[in-house]
Amino acid sequence: MKNTLGDLNNHLFEQLERLNDDDLKGENLQVEMERAKAMTSIAQQIISNGNLALQAEKFKAENLGRSKVEIPKMLEG
């Protein structure tokens, strides 16, 4: 897998650090704010997809008599 949820977490914290830069002002600050909005939107979709995949596995486990829920590949590592 090329990107992981750990990578997503790192990217979000890096963006937070950029936004927290006291030297960031004016147009540069606006650019970072727009980038942060875009990253947040994409991150929310990734998280929603992961949650849906996990809920589907839970449903399958409950309704197909599995003894445990399998973690979807996209949520590993």
PDB file of N, CA and C in Angstrom:
ATOM      1  N   MET A   1       0.854  -1.171   0.000  1.00  0.00           N
ATOM      2  CA  MET A   1       0.000   0.000   0.000  1.00  0.00           C
ATOM      3  C   MET A   1       0.906   1.242   0.000  1.00  0.00           C
ATOM      4  N   LYS A   2       0.590   2.150  -0.862  1.00  0.00           N
ATOM      5  CA  LYS A   2       1.440   3.327  -1.014  1.00  0.00           C
ATOM      6  C   LYS A   2       1.261   4.330   0.136  1.00  0.00           C
ATOM      7  N   ASN A   3       0.027   4.653   0.471  1.00  0.00           N
ATOM      8  CA  ASN A   3      -0.255   5.592   1.557  1.00  0.00           C
ATOM      9  C   ASN A   3      -1.061   4.885   2.629  1.00  0.00           C
ATOM     10  N   THR A   4      -0.835   5.279   3.871  1.00  0.00           N
ATOM     11  CA  THR A   4      -1.540   4.678   4.987  1.00  0.00           C
ATOM     12  C   THR A   4      -2.259   5.755   5.785  1.00  0.00           C
ATOM     13  N   LEU A   5      -3.089   5.323   6.725  1.00  0.00           N
ATOM     14  CA  LEU A   5      -3.744   6.286   7.605  1.00  0.00           C
ATOM     15  C   LEU A   5      -2.716   6.989   8.481  1.00  0.00           C
ATOM     16  N   GLY A   6      -1.617   6.314   8.763  1.00  0.00           N
ATOM     17  CA  GLY A   6      -0.519   6.959   9.495  1.00  0.00           C
ATOM     18  C   GLY A   6       0.066   8.105   8.684  1.00  0.00           C
ATOM     19  N   ASP A   7       0.210   7.884   7.374  1.00  0.00           N
ATOM     20  CA  ASP A   7       0.697   8.953   6.486  1.00  0.00           C
ATOM     21  C   ASP A   7      -0.277  10.128   6.495  1.00  0.00           C
ATOM     22  N   LEU A   8      -1.572   9.815   6.444  1.00  0.00           N
ATOM     23  CA  LEU A   8      -2.587  10.866   6.471  1.00  0.00           C
ATOM     24  C   LEU A   8      -2.455  11.688   7.746  1.00  0.00           C
ATOM     25  N   ASN A   9      -2.298  11.009   8.856  1.00  0.00           N
ATOM     26  CA  ASN A   9      -2.141  11.692  10.133  1.00  0.00           C
ATOM     27  C   ASN A   9      -0.915  12.609  10.118  1.00  0.00           C
ATOM     28  N   ASN A  10       0.183  12.109   9.575  1.00  0.00           N
ATOM     29  CA  ASN A  10       1.403  12.922   9.486  1.00  0.00           C
ATOM     30  C   ASN A  10       1.190  14.153   8.611  1.00  0.00           C
ATOM     31  N   HIS A  11       0.520  13.975   7.480  1.00  0.00           N
ATOM     32  CA  HIS A  11       0.261  15.112   6.579  1.00  0.00           C
ATOM     33  C   HIS A  11      -0.603  16.169   7.264  1.00  0.00           C
ATOM     34  N   LEU A  12      -1.594  15.711   8.001  1.00  0.00           N
ATOM     35  CA  LEU A  12      -2.474  16.670   8.686  1.00  0.00           C
ATOM     36  C   LEU A  12      -1.720  17.444   9.756  1.00  0.00           C
ATOM     37  N   PHE A  13      -0.856  16.771  10.498  1.00  0.00           N
ATOM     38  CA  PHE A  13      -0.066  17.475  11.505  1.00  0.00           C
ATOM     39  C   PHE A  13       0.953  18.419  10.864  1.00  0.00           C
ATOM     40  N   GLU A  14       1.518  18.026   9.732  1.00  0.00           N
ATOM     41  CA  GLU A  14       2.431  18.925   9.015  1.00  0.00           C
ATOM     42  C   GLU A  14       1.700  20.187   8.570  1.00  0.00           C
ATOM     43  N   GLN A  15       0.462  20.015   8.087  1.00  0.00           N
ATOM     44  CA  GLN A  15      -0.329  21.171   7.671  1.00  0.00           C
ATOM     45  C   GLN A  15      -0.625  22.067   8.866  1.00  0.00           C
ATOM     46  N   LEU A  16      -0.943  21.465   9.979  1.00  0.00           N
ATOM     47  CA  LEU A  16      -1.193  22.239  11.204  1.00  0.00           C
ATOM     48  C   LEU A  16       0.041  23.051  11.598  1.00  0.00           C
ATOM     49  N   GLU A  17       1.207  22.447  11.482  1.00  0.00           N
ATOM     50  CA  GLU A  17       2.448  23.164  11.786  1.00  0.00           C
ATOM     51  C   GLU A  17       2.661  24.335  10.836  1.00  0.00           C
ATOM     52  N   ARG A  18       2.350  24.133   9.551  1.00  0.00           N
ATOM     53  CA  ARG A  18       2.487  25.252   8.598  1.00  0.00           C
ATOM     54  C   ARG A  18       1.535  26.381   8.949  1.00  0.00           C
ATOM     55  N   LEU A  19       0.318  26.048   9.315  1.00  0.00           N
ATOM     56  CA  LEU A  19      -0.658  27.077   9.680  1.00  0.00           C
ATOM     57  C   LEU A  19      -0.281  27.789  10.979  1.00  0.00           C
ATOM     58  N   ASN A  20       0.469  27.118  11.816  1.00  0.00           N
ATOM     59  CA  ASN A  20       0.873  27.691  13.105  1.00  0.00           C
ATOM     60  C   ASN A  20       2.119  28.572  12.996  1.00  0.00           C
ATOM     61  N   ASP A  21       2.679  28.690  11.810  1.00  0.00           N
ATOM     62  CA  ASP A  21       3.878  29.497  11.590  1.00  0.00           C
ATOM     63  C   ASP A  21       3.530  30.984  11.748  1.00  0.00           C
ATOM     64  N   ASP A  22       4.102  31.639  12.757  1.00  0.00           N
ATOM     65  CA  ASP A  22       3.828  33.056  13.021  1.00  0.00           C
ATOM     66  C   ASP A  22       4.279  33.971  11.886  1.00  0.00           C
ATOM     67  N   ASP A  23       5.217  33.518  11.064  1.00  0.00           N
ATOM     68  CA  ASP A  23       5.709  34.331   9.953  1.00  0.00           C
ATOM     69  C   ASP A  23       4.801  34.250   8.716  1.00  0.00           C
ATOM     70  N   LEU A  24       3.841  33.350   8.738  1.00  0.00           N
ATOM     71  CA  LEU A  24       2.939  33.176   7.607  1.00  0.00           C
ATOM     72  C   LEU A  24       1.859  34.254   7.661  1.00  0.00           C
ATOM     73  N   LYS A  25       1.845  35.111   6.648  1.00  0.00           N
ATOM     74  CA  LYS A  25       0.925  36.243   6.644  1.00  0.00           C
ATOM     75  C   LYS A  25       0.394  36.489   5.233  1.00  0.00           C
ATOM     76  N   GLY A  26      -0.662  37.273   5.171  1.00  0.00           N
ATOM     77  CA  GLY A  26      -1.189  37.740   3.898  1.00  0.00           C
ATOM     78  C   GLY A  26      -1.557  36.635   2.938  1.00  0.00           C
ATOM     79  N   GLU A  27      -1.110  36.791   1.691  1.00  0.00           N
ATOM     80  CA  GLU A  27      -1.461  35.853   0.636  1.00  0.00           C
ATOM     81  C   GLU A  27      -0.947  34.446   0.929  1.00  0.00           C
ATOM     82  N   ASN A  28       0.242  34.342   1.496  1.00  0.00           N
ATOM     83  CA  ASN A  28       0.796  33.020   1.827  1.00  0.00           C
ATOM     84  C   ASN A  28      -0.074  32.308   2.863  1.00  0.00           C
ATOM     85  N   LEU A  29      -0.587  33.063   3.829  1.00  0.00           N
ATOM     86  CA  LEU A  29      -1.480  32.473   4.828  1.00  0.00           C
ATOM     87  C   LEU A  29      -2.776  32.009   4.168  1.00  0.00           C
ATOM     88  N   GLN A  30      -3.303  32.813   3.253  1.00  0.00           N
ATOM     89  CA  GLN A  30      -4.531  32.438   2.547  1.00  0.00           C
ATOM     90  C   GLN A  30      -4.329  31.159   1.735  1.00  0.00           C
ATOM     91  N   VAL A  31      -3.182  31.058   1.076  1.00  0.00           N
ATOM     92  CA  VAL A  31      -2.882  29.854   0.294  1.00  0.00           C
ATOM     93  C   VAL A  31      -2.850  28.632   1.205  1.00  0.00           C
ATOM     94  N   GLU A  32      -2.203  28.733   2.351  1.00  0.00           N
ATOM     95  CA  GLU A  32      -2.133  27.609   3.284  1.00  0.00           C
ATOM     96  C   GLU A  32      -3.503  27.271   3.851  1.00  0.00           C
ATOM     97  N   MET A  33      -4.322  28.286   4.084  1.00  0.00           N
ATOM     98  CA  MET A  33      -5.672  28.030   4.590  1.00  0.00           C
ATOM     99  C   MET A  33      -6.508  27.280   3.552  1.00  0.00           C
ATOM    100  N   GLU A  34      -6.380  27.644   2.288  1.00  0.00           N
ATOM    101  CA  GLU A  34      -7.094  26.932   1.227  1.00  0.00           C
ATOM    102  C   GLU A  34      -6.577  25.497   1.103  1.00  0.00           C
ATOM    103  N   ARG A  35      -5.277  25.349   1.208  1.00  0.00           N
ATOM    104  CA  ARG A  35      -4.689  24.008   1.157  1.00  0.00           C
ATOM    105  C   ARG A  35      -5.208  23.167   2.324  1.00  0.00           C
ATOM    106  N   ALA A  36      -5.285  23.764   3.496  1.00  0.00           N
ATOM    107  CA  ALA A  36      -5.777  23.054   4.677  1.00  0.00           C
ATOM    108  C   ALA A  36      -7.234  22.625   4.492  1.00  0.00           C
ATOM    109  N   LYS A  37      -8.051  23.501   3.901  1.00  0.00           N
ATOM    110  CA  LYS A  37      -9.453  23.144   3.637  1.00  0.00           C
ATOM    111  C   LYS A  37      -9.527  21.955   2.691  1.00  0.00           C
ATOM    112  N   ALA A  38      -8.728  21.970   1.645  1.00  0.00           N
ATOM    113  CA  ALA A  38      -8.727  20.870   0.681  1.00  0.00           C
ATOM    114  C   ALA A  38      -8.256  19.573   1.343  1.00  0.00           C
ATOM    115  N   MET A  39      -7.193  19.669   2.127  1.00  0.00           N
ATOM    116  CA  MET A  39      -6.674  18.477   2.801  1.00  0.00           C
ATOM    117  C   MET A  39      -7.699  17.918   3.780  1.00  0.00           C
ATOM    118  N   THR A  40      -8.377  18.792   4.492  1.00  0.00           N
ATOM    119  CA  THR A  40      -9.388  18.361   5.448  1.00  0.00           C
ATOM    120  C   THR A  40     -10.533  17.650   4.744  1.00  0.00           C
ATOM    121  N   SER A  41     -10.949  18.185   3.629  1.00  0.00           N
ATOM    122  CA  SER A  41     -12.035  17.575   2.863  1.00  0.00           C
ATOM    123  C   SER A  41     -11.656  16.181   2.372  1.00  0.00           C
ATOM    124  N   ILE A  42     -10.466  16.066   1.826  1.00  0.00           N
ATOM    125  CA  ILE A  42      -9.997  14.770   1.329  1.00  0.00           C
ATOM    126  C   ILE A  42      -9.801  13.795   2.486  1.00  0.00           C
ATOM    127  N   ALA A  43      -9.218  14.278   3.582  1.00  0.00           N
ATOM    128  CA  ALA A  43      -8.996  13.421   4.748  1.00  0.00           C
ATOM    129  C   ALA A  43     -10.318  12.877   5.275  1.00  0.00           C
ATOM    130  N   GLN A  44     -11.339  13.719   5.315  1.00  0.00           N
ATOM    131  CA  GLN A  44     -12.648  13.268   5.800  1.00  0.00           C
ATOM    132  C   GLN A  44     -13.204  12.155   4.919  1.00  0.00           C
ATOM    133  N   GLN A  45     -13.011  12.257   3.622  1.00  0.00           N
ATOM    134  CA  GLN A  45     -13.475  11.206   2.714  1.00  0.00           C
ATOM    135  C   GLN A  45     -12.704   9.909   2.941  1.00  0.00           C
ATOM    136  N   ILE A  46     -11.411  10.008   3.146  1.00  0.00           N
ATOM    137  CA  ILE A  46     -10.595   8.817   3.407  1.00  0.00           C
ATOM    138  C   ILE A  46     -11.053   8.144   4.702  1.00  0.00           C
ATOM    139  N   ILE A  47     -11.286   8.943   5.725  1.00  0.00           N
ATOM    140  CA  ILE A  47     -11.735   8.409   7.009  1.00  0.00           C
ATOM    141  C   ILE A  47     -13.115   7.773   6.864  1.00  0.00           C
ATOM    142  N   SER A  48     -14.004   8.422   6.125  1.00  0.00           N
ATOM    143  CA  SER A  48     -15.346   7.874   5.899  1.00  0.00           C
ATOM    144  C   SER A  48     -15.277   6.544   5.155  1.00  0.00           C
ATOM    145  N   ASN A  49     -14.417   6.457   4.156  1.00  0.00           N
ATOM    146  CA  ASN A  49     -14.249   5.200   3.413  1.00  0.00           C
ATOM    147  C   ASN A  49     -13.749   4.089   4.329  1.00  0.00           C
ATOM    148  N   GLY A  50     -12.783   4.420   5.175  1.00  0.00           N
ATOM    149  CA  GLY A  50     -12.258   3.436   6.120  1.00  0.00           C
ATOM    150  C   GLY A  50     -13.324   2.977   7.093  1.00  0.00           C
ATOM    151  N   ASN A  51     -14.119   3.913   7.572  1.00  0.00           N
ATOM    152  CA  ASN A  51     -15.190   3.569   8.499  1.00  0.00           C
ATOM    153  C   ASN A  51     -16.226   2.673   7.828  1.00  0.00           C
ATOM    154  N   LEU A  52     -16.587   2.987   6.586  1.00  0.00           N
ATOM    155  CA  LEU A  52     -17.536   2.163   5.845  1.00  0.00           C
ATOM    156  C   LEU A  52     -16.997   0.745   5.661  1.00  0.00           C
ATOM    157  N   ALA A  53     -15.726   0.626   5.309  1.00  0.00           N
ATOM    158  CA  ALA A  53     -15.120  -0.698   5.121  1.00  0.00           C
ATOM    159  C   ALA A  53     -15.144  -1.486   6.429  1.00  0.00           C
ATOM    160  N   LEU A  54     -14.852  -0.826   7.547  1.00  0.00           N
ATOM    161  CA  LEU A  54     -14.871  -1.503   8.844  1.00  0.00           C
ATOM    162  C   LEU A  54     -16.293  -1.910   9.220  1.00  0.00           C
ATOM    163  N   GLN A  55     -17.260  -1.031   9.002  1.00  0.00           N
ATOM    164  CA  GLN A  55     -18.656  -1.369   9.301  1.00  0.00           C
ATOM    165  C   GLN A  55     -19.128  -2.555   8.459  1.00  0.00           C
ATOM    166  N   ALA A  56     -18.690  -2.616   7.209  1.00  0.00           N
ATOM    167  CA  ALA A  56     -19.057  -3.744   6.345  1.00  0.00           C
ATOM    168  C   ALA A  56     -18.478  -5.045   6.886  1.00  0.00           C
ATOM    169  N   GLU A  57     -17.229  -4.999   7.351  1.00  0.00           N
ATOM    170  CA  GLU A  57     -16.612  -6.202   7.934  1.00  0.00           C
ATOM    171  C   GLU A  57     -17.340  -6.621   9.209  1.00  0.00           C
ATOM    172  N   LYS A  58     -17.728  -5.653  10.023  1.00  0.00           N
ATOM    173  CA  LYS A  58     -18.482  -5.978  11.239  1.00  0.00           C
ATOM    174  C   LYS A  58     -19.816  -6.620  10.885  1.00  0.00           C
ATOM    175  N   PHE A  59     -20.487  -6.069   9.876  1.00  0.00           N
ATOM    176  CA  PHE A  59     -21.759  -6.626   9.429  1.00  0.00           C
ATOM    177  C   PHE A  59     -21.586  -8.065   8.953  1.00  0.00           C
ATOM    178  N   LYS A  60     -20.550  -8.292   8.148  1.00  0.00           N
ATOM    179  CA  LYS A  60     -20.300  -9.642   7.651  1.00  0.00           C
ATOM    180  C   LYS A  60     -20.013 -10.601   8.801  1.00  0.00           C
ATOM    181  N   ALA A  61     -19.230 -10.159   9.780  1.00  0.00           N
ATOM    182  CA  ALA A  61     -18.895 -11.017  10.907  1.00  0.00           C
ATOM    183  C   ALA A  61     -20.147 -11.373  11.710  1.00  0.00           C
ATOM    184  N   GLU A  62     -20.998 -10.393  11.933  1.00  0.00           N
ATOM    185  CA  GLU A  62     -22.205 -10.621  12.725  1.00  0.00           C
ATOM    186  C   GLU A  62     -23.216 -11.493  11.981  1.00  0.00           C
ATOM    187  N   ASN A  63     -23.318 -11.317  10.672  1.00  0.00           N
ATOM    188  CA  ASN A  63     -24.364 -11.993   9.923  1.00  0.00           C
ATOM    189  C   ASN A  63     -23.921 -13.261   9.207  1.00  0.00           C
ATOM    190  N   LEU A  64     -22.640 -13.488   9.133  1.00  0.00           N
ATOM    191  CA  LEU A  64     -22.142 -14.696   8.492  1.00  0.00           C
ATOM    192  C   LEU A  64     -21.505 -15.657   9.496  1.00  0.00           C
ATOM    193  N   GLY A  65     -21.678 -15.343  10.777  1.00  0.00           N
ATOM    194  CA  GLY A  65     -21.209 -16.246  11.815  1.00  0.00           C
ATOM    195  C   GLY A  65     -19.711 -16.307  11.999  1.00  0.00           C
ATOM    196  N   ARG A  66     -19.007 -15.277  11.586  1.00  0.00           N
ATOM    197  CA  ARG A  66     -17.556 -15.263  11.792  1.00  0.00           C
ATOM    198  C   ARG A  66     -17.250 -15.011  13.266  1.00  0.00           C
ATOM    199  N   SER A  67     -16.158 -15.590  13.724  1.00  0.00           N
ATOM    200  CA  SER A  67     -15.802 -15.438  15.134  1.00  0.00           C
ATOM    201  C   SER A  67     -15.106 -14.114  15.428  1.00  0.00           C
ATOM    202  N   LYS A  68     -14.602 -13.462  14.387  1.00  0.00           N
ATOM    203  CA  LYS A  68     -13.935 -12.180  14.609  1.00  0.00           C
ATOM    204  C   LYS A  68     -14.091 -11.288  13.380  1.00  0.00           C
ATOM    205  N   VAL A  69     -13.908  -9.992  13.619  1.00  0.00           N
ATOM    206  CA  VAL A  69     -13.965  -9.011  12.538  1.00  0.00           C
ATOM    207  C   VAL A  69     -12.587  -8.918  11.910  1.00  0.00           C
ATOM    208  N   GLU A  70     -12.534  -9.036  10.599  1.00  0.00           N
ATOM    209  CA  GLU A  70     -11.265  -8.874   9.898  1.00  0.00           C
ATOM    210  C   GLU A  70     -11.047  -7.391   9.616  1.00  0.00           C
ATOM    211  N   ILE A  71      -9.839  -6.923   9.870  1.00  0.00           N
ATOM    212  CA  ILE A  71      -9.522  -5.531   9.606  1.00  0.00           C
ATOM    213  C   ILE A  71      -9.333  -5.354   8.102  1.00  0.00           C
ATOM    214  N   PRO A  72     -10.064  -4.408   7.504  1.00  0.00           N
ATOM    215  CA  PRO A  72      -9.873  -4.160   6.065  1.00  0.00           C
ATOM    216  C   PRO A  72      -8.425  -3.763   5.762  1.00  0.00           C
ATOM    217  N   LYS A  73      -7.923  -4.216   4.616  1.00  0.00           N
ATOM    218  CA  LYS A  73      -6.540  -3.930   4.238  1.00  0.00           C
ATOM    219  C   LYS A  73      -6.234  -2.438   4.301  1.00  0.00           C
ATOM    220  N   MET A  74      -7.196  -1.609   3.889  1.00  0.00           N
ATOM    221  CA  MET A  74      -6.948  -0.170   3.859  1.00  0.00           C
ATOM    222  C   MET A  74      -6.714   0.429   5.253  1.00  0.00           C
ATOM    223  N   LEU A  75      -7.085  -0.311   6.307  1.00  0.00           N
ATOM    224  CA  LEU A  75      -6.899   0.192   7.669  1.00  0.00           C
ATOM    225  C   LEU A  75      -5.651  -0.384   8.335  1.00  0.00           C
ATOM    226  N   GLU A  76      -4.965  -1.264   7.655  1.00  0.00           N
ATOM    227  CA  GLU A  76      -3.755  -1.853   8.227  1.00  0.00           C
ATOM    228  C   GLU A  76      -2.568  -0.927   8.042  1.00  0.00           C
ATOM    229  N   GLY A  77      -1.622  -1.042   8.964  1.00  0.00           N
ATOM    230  CA  GLY A  77      -0.342  -0.364   8.875  1.00  0.00           C
ATOM    231  C   GLY A  77      -0.430   1.072   8.722  1.00  0.00           C
TER     232      GLY A  77
END
